[in-house]
Amino acid sequence: MTIDQRPTTRDQHPTSNVQRPIRVIIAKPGLDGHDRGAKVIARALRDAGMEVIYTGLRQSPEQIVSAALQEDADVIGLSILSGAHNHIAPRLMQLMRDKGLDDVLVVMGGIIPNADVPNLKALGIRGVFQPGTSMQEIVDFMRVHARSQAPEEAGPNP
């Protein structure tokens, strides 16, 4: 795939015809101290032409939402290995609604039991990526579902 074929743009820069890449926040919420996977994902997204902001370890939902606002993020990607997803996701999604960020795509990856996926999706987490998901699947999902895409153009959720 050539650079010209990659649909990584969100909108045009206001003063030119230059397209802005999809802007992704990658965050490690909670007390989880293992970030190798988050860094691998961040690099894969960057290599796919997206702009990636990695917030670092031990971020609170408030810090993540603040970063999304400051960076005008199109996507928030959460990496959770600690099992705290059922505690963190409701708070994060409530803050997103409170700040008017309903159009920002939220995805999550890590050690997420199958039984927890329906509840996470009901909260508004659009994509849940478990161990074994390919980098290309994650990239493709973000390209299709980032807020630059109209809802009727979006494909199925994994």
C-alpha atoms as a PDB file:
ATOM      1  CA  MET A   1       0.000   0.000   0.000  1.00  0.00           C
ATOM      2  CA  THR A   2       1.413   3.389  -0.942  1.00  0.00           C
ATOM      3  CA  ILE A   3       1.223   6.502   1.183  1.00  0.00           C
ATOM      4  CA  ASP A   4      -1.366   7.971  -1.196  1.00  0.00           C
ATOM      5  CA  GLN A   5      -3.668   5.002  -0.541  1.00  0.00           C
ATOM      6  CA  ARG A   6      -3.569   5.240   3.258  1.00  0.00           C
ATOM      7  CA  PRO A   7      -6.788   6.817   4.592  1.00  0.00           C
ATOM      8  CA  THR A   8      -5.204   8.313   7.710  1.00  0.00           C
ATOM      9  CA  THR A   9      -6.601  11.834   7.536  1.00  0.00           C
ATOM     10  CA  ARG A  10      -9.151  13.426   9.809  1.00  0.00           C
ATOM     11  CA  ASP A  11      -9.684  16.847   8.280  1.00  0.00           C
ATOM     12  CA  GLN A  12      -7.940  19.504   6.264  1.00  0.00           C
ATOM     13  CA  HIS A  13      -5.658  22.038   7.856  1.00  0.00           C
ATOM     14  CA  PRO A  14      -7.636  25.317   7.889  1.00  0.00           C
ATOM     15  CA  THR A  15      -5.072  27.252   5.826  1.00  0.00           C
ATOM     16  CA  SER A  16      -4.025  24.675   3.253  1.00  0.00           C
ATOM     17  CA  ASN A  17      -4.988  21.571   1.350  1.00  0.00           C
ATOM     18  CA  VAL A  18      -2.773  19.443   3.602  1.00  0.00           C
ATOM     19  CA  GLN A  19      -4.583  16.597   5.339  1.00  0.00           C
ATOM     20  CA  ARG A  20      -3.914  16.045   9.049  1.00  0.00           C
ATOM     21  CA  PRO A  21      -3.131  12.485  10.188  1.00  0.00           C
ATOM     22  CA  ILE A  22      -5.446  10.713  12.598  1.00  0.00           C
ATOM     23  CA  ARG A  23      -4.316  11.769  16.074  1.00  0.00           C
ATOM     24  CA  VAL A  24      -4.188   8.948  18.648  1.00  0.00           C
ATOM     25  CA  ILE A  25      -3.646   9.133  22.414  1.00  0.00           C
ATOM     26  CA  ILE A  26      -2.165   5.903  23.811  1.00  0.00           C
ATOM     27  CA  ALA A  27      -2.605   5.671  27.569  1.00  0.00           C
ATOM     28  CA  LYS A  28      -1.736   3.252  30.370  1.00  0.00           C
ATOM     29  CA  PRO A  29      -4.397   3.885  33.030  1.00  0.00           C
ATOM     30  CA  GLY A  30      -4.276   2.728  36.611  1.00  0.00           C
ATOM     31  CA  LEU A  31      -1.392   1.135  38.446  1.00  0.00           C
ATOM     32  CA  ASP A  32      -0.264  -1.114  35.600  1.00  0.00           C
ATOM     33  CA  GLY A  33       3.474  -0.627  35.164  1.00  0.00           C
ATOM     34  CA  HIS A  34       4.079  -2.683  32.015  1.00  0.00           C
ATOM     35  CA  ASP A  35       4.106  -0.561  28.890  1.00  0.00           C
ATOM     36  CA  ARG A  36       5.973  -2.560  26.265  1.00  0.00           C
ATOM     37  CA  GLY A  37       2.729  -3.453  24.457  1.00  0.00           C
ATOM     38  CA  ALA A  38       1.562   0.166  24.471  1.00  0.00           C
ATOM     39  CA  LYS A  39       4.874   1.259  22.981  1.00  0.00           C
ATOM     40  CA  VAL A  40       4.688  -1.420  20.285  1.00  0.00           C
ATOM     41  CA  ILE A  41       1.163  -0.296  19.362  1.00  0.00           C
ATOM     42  CA  ALA A  42       2.231   3.364  19.374  1.00  0.00           C
ATOM     43  CA  ARG A  43       5.045   2.601  16.966  1.00  0.00           C
ATOM     44  CA  ALA A  44       2.820   0.536  14.660  1.00  0.00           C
ATOM     45  CA  LEU A  45       0.266   3.353  14.495  1.00  0.00           C
ATOM     46  CA  ARG A  46       3.002   5.900  13.820  1.00  0.00           C
ATOM     47  CA  ASP A  47       4.447   3.680  11.094  1.00  0.00           C
ATOM     48  CA  ALA A  48       0.940   3.524   9.577  1.00  0.00           C
ATOM     49  CA  GLY A  49       0.939   7.319   9.247  1.00  0.00           C
ATOM     50  CA  MET A  50      -0.955   8.305  12.382  1.00  0.00           C
ATOM     51  CA  GLU A  51       0.163  10.924  14.870  1.00  0.00           C
ATOM     52  CA  VAL A  52       0.621   9.231  18.252  1.00  0.00           C
ATOM     53  CA  ILE A  53       0.859  10.804  21.693  1.00  0.00           C
ATOM     54  CA  TYR A  54       1.906   8.356  24.405  1.00  0.00           C
ATOM     55  CA  THR A  55       0.874   9.638  27.843  1.00  0.00           C
ATOM     56  CA  GLY A  56       3.070   7.303  29.878  1.00  0.00           C
ATOM     57  CA  LEU A  57       2.376   5.031  32.828  1.00  0.00           C
ATOM     58  CA  ARG A  58      -0.186   5.298  35.623  1.00  0.00           C
ATOM     59  CA  GLN A  59      -2.559   7.786  34.048  1.00  0.00           C
ATOM     60  CA  SER A  60      -5.888   8.598  35.688  1.00  0.00           C
ATOM     61  CA  PRO A  61      -9.055   8.837  33.575  1.00  0.00           C
ATOM     62  CA  GLU A  62      -8.966  12.597  34.228  1.00  0.00           C
ATOM     63  CA  GLN A  63      -5.427  12.864  32.853  1.00  0.00           C
ATOM     64  CA  ILE A  64      -6.327  10.838  29.778  1.00  0.00           C
ATOM     65  CA  VAL A  65      -9.396  12.941  28.973  1.00  0.00           C
ATOM     66  CA  SER A  66      -7.401  16.127  29.557  1.00  0.00           C
ATOM     67  CA  ALA A  67      -4.744  14.913  27.105  1.00  0.00           C
ATOM     68  CA  ALA A  68      -7.434  14.085  24.540  1.00  0.00           C
ATOM     69  CA  LEU A  69      -8.822  17.612  24.840  1.00  0.00           C
ATOM     70  CA  GLN A  70      -5.415  19.294  24.682  1.00  0.00           C
ATOM     71  CA  GLU A  71      -4.234  17.234  21.732  1.00  0.00           C
ATOM     72  CA  ASP A  72      -7.538  17.307  19.785  1.00  0.00           C
ATOM     73  CA  ALA A  73      -7.422  13.517  19.651  1.00  0.00           C
ATOM     74  CA  ASP A  74      -9.447  11.477  17.188  1.00  0.00           C
ATOM     75  CA  VAL A  75      -8.792   8.210  19.052  1.00  0.00           C
ATOM     76  CA  ILE A  76      -7.964   7.165  22.611  1.00  0.00           C
ATOM     77  CA  GLY A  77      -6.292   3.780  22.937  1.00  0.00           C
ATOM     78  CA  LEU A  78      -6.123   2.269  26.418  1.00  0.00           C
ATOM     79  CA  SER A  79      -3.671  -0.483  27.271  1.00  0.00           C
ATOM     80  CA  ILE A  80      -4.716  -2.379  30.395  1.00  0.00           C
ATOM     81  CA  LEU A  81      -3.058  -5.532  31.665  1.00  0.00           C
ATOM     82  CA  SER A  82      -3.960  -5.166  35.339  1.00  0.00           C
ATOM     83  CA  GLY A  83      -7.583  -6.271  35.209  1.00  0.00           C
ATOM     84  CA  ALA A  84      -8.810  -2.797  36.204  1.00  0.00           C
ATOM     85  CA  HIS A  85     -10.705  -2.210  32.957  1.00  0.00           C
ATOM     86  CA  ASN A  86     -14.149  -2.603  34.587  1.00  0.00           C
ATOM     87  CA  HIS A  87     -13.241   0.098  37.107  1.00  0.00           C
ATOM     88  CA  ILE A  88     -11.462   2.522  34.755  1.00  0.00           C
ATOM     89  CA  ALA A  89     -13.666   2.363  31.650  1.00  0.00           C
ATOM     90  CA  PRO A  90     -16.918   3.657  33.237  1.00  0.00           C
ATOM     91  CA  ARG A  91     -15.161   6.681  34.750  1.00  0.00           C
ATOM     92  CA  LEU A  92     -13.287   7.480  31.542  1.00  0.00           C
ATOM     93  CA  MET A  93     -16.409   7.223  29.389  1.00  0.00           C
ATOM     94  CA  GLN A  94     -18.389   9.441  31.793  1.00  0.00           C
ATOM     95  CA  LEU A  95     -15.651  12.072  31.672  1.00  0.00           C
ATOM     96  CA  MET A  96     -15.621  11.847  27.877  1.00  0.00           C
ATOM     97  CA  ARG A  97     -19.366  12.546  27.774  1.00  0.00           C
ATOM     98  CA  ASP A  98     -19.029  15.371  30.324  1.00  0.00           C
ATOM     99  CA  LYS A  99     -16.352  17.068  28.185  1.00  0.00           C
ATOM    100  CA  GLY A 100     -18.279  16.653  24.909  1.00  0.00           C
ATOM    101  CA  LEU A 101     -15.869  14.109  23.473  1.00  0.00           C
ATOM    102  CA  ASP A 102     -18.566  11.675  22.351  1.00  0.00           C
ATOM    103  CA  ASP A 103     -17.121  11.677  18.830  1.00  0.00           C
ATOM    104  CA  VAL A 104     -13.674  10.468  19.915  1.00  0.00           C
ATOM    105  CA  LEU A 105     -13.141   6.764  19.241  1.00  0.00           C
ATOM    106  CA  VAL A 106     -12.140   4.819  22.367  1.00  0.00           C
ATOM    107  CA  VAL A 107     -10.481   1.428  22.022  1.00  0.00           C
ATOM    108  CA  MET A 108      -8.895  -0.870  24.565  1.00  0.00           C
ATOM    109  CA  GLY A 109      -6.341  -3.622  24.433  1.00  0.00           C
ATOM    110  CA  GLY A 110      -4.772  -5.978  26.895  1.00  0.00           C
ATOM    111  CA  ILE A 111      -5.843  -8.856  29.072  1.00  0.00           C
ATOM    112  CA  ILE A 112      -9.618  -8.501  28.732  1.00  0.00           C
ATOM    113  CA  PRO A 113     -11.734 -11.604  29.458  1.00  0.00           C
ATOM    114  CA  ASN A 114     -14.334 -12.409  26.783  1.00  0.00           C
ATOM    115  CA  ALA A 115     -17.073 -12.098  29.415  1.00  0.00           C
ATOM    116  CA  ASP A 116     -16.179  -8.405  29.964  1.00  0.00           C
ATOM    117  CA  VAL A 117     -16.267  -7.338  26.309  1.00  0.00           C
ATOM    118  CA  PRO A 118     -20.063  -6.786  25.999  1.00  0.00           C
ATOM    119  CA  ASN A 119     -20.121  -4.523  29.056  1.00  0.00           C
ATOM    120  CA  LEU A 120     -17.171  -2.489  27.760  1.00  0.00           C
ATOM    121  CA  LYS A 121     -18.868  -2.035  24.392  1.00  0.00           C
ATOM    122  CA  ALA A 122     -22.103  -1.018  26.136  1.00  0.00           C
ATOM    123  CA  LEU A 123     -20.112   1.723  27.893  1.00  0.00           C
ATOM    124  CA  GLY A 124     -18.945   3.049  24.524  1.00  0.00           C
ATOM    125  CA  ILE A 125     -15.586   1.317  24.063  1.00  0.00           C
ATOM    126  CA  ARG A 126     -15.868   0.680  20.312  1.00  0.00           C
ATOM    127  CA  GLY A 127     -13.019  -1.795  19.907  1.00  0.00           C
ATOM    128  CA  VAL A 128     -11.609  -4.322  22.347  1.00  0.00           C
ATOM    129  CA  PHE A 129      -8.381  -5.983  21.229  1.00  0.00           C
ATOM    130  CA  GLN A 130      -7.238  -9.080  23.066  1.00  0.00           C
ATOM    131  CA  PRO A 131      -3.897 -10.920  22.906  1.00  0.00           C
ATOM    132  CA  GLY A 132      -3.179 -12.190  19.411  1.00  0.00           C
ATOM    133  CA  THR A 133      -4.839  -9.305  17.555  1.00  0.00           C
ATOM    134  CA  SER A 134      -2.674  -8.254  14.630  1.00  0.00           C
ATOM    135  CA  MET A 135      -1.288  -4.750  14.382  1.00  0.00           C
ATOM    136  CA  GLN A 136      -2.892  -4.414  10.957  1.00  0.00           C
ATOM    137  CA  GLU A 137      -6.331  -5.214  12.397  1.00  0.00           C
ATOM    138  CA  ILE A 138      -5.927  -2.430  14.969  1.00  0.00           C
ATOM    139  CA  VAL A 139      -4.688   0.051  12.349  1.00  0.00           C
ATOM    140  CA  ASP A 140      -7.547  -0.809   9.996  1.00  0.00           C
ATOM    141  CA  PHE A 141     -10.122  -0.493  12.768  1.00  0.00           C
ATOM    142  CA  MET A 142      -8.883   2.973  13.692  1.00  0.00           C
ATOM    143  CA  ARG A 143      -8.830   4.112  10.077  1.00  0.00           C
ATOM    144  CA  VAL A 144     -12.436   3.053   9.596  1.00  0.00           C
ATOM    145  CA  HIS A 145     -13.849   4.199  12.928  1.00  0.00           C
ATOM    146  CA  ALA A 146     -11.915   7.383  13.793  1.00  0.00           C
ATOM    147  CA  ARG A 147     -14.187  10.393  14.121  1.00  0.00           C
ATOM    148  CA  SER A 148     -13.226  11.581  10.642  1.00  0.00           C
ATOM    149  CA  GLN A 149     -15.399   8.788   9.262  1.00  0.00           C
ATOM    150  CA  ALA A 150     -19.162   9.136   9.011  1.00  0.00           C
ATOM    151  CA  PRO A 151     -21.061   6.546  11.108  1.00  0.00           C
ATOM    152  CA  GLU A 152     -22.716   5.067   8.018  1.00  0.00           C
ATOM    153  CA  GLU A 153     -19.271   4.423   6.505  1.00  0.00           C
ATOM    154  CA  ALA A 154     -17.971   2.601   9.565  1.00  0.00           C
ATOM    155  CA  GLY A 155     -17.545  -1.157   9.403  1.00  0.00           C
ATOM    156  CA  PRO A 156     -18.292  -3.772  12.046  1.00  0.00           C
ATOM    157  CA  ASN A 157     -16.802  -3.732  15.544  1.00  0.00           C
ATOM    158  CA  PRO A 158     -14.368  -6.516  16.360  1.00  0.00           C
END
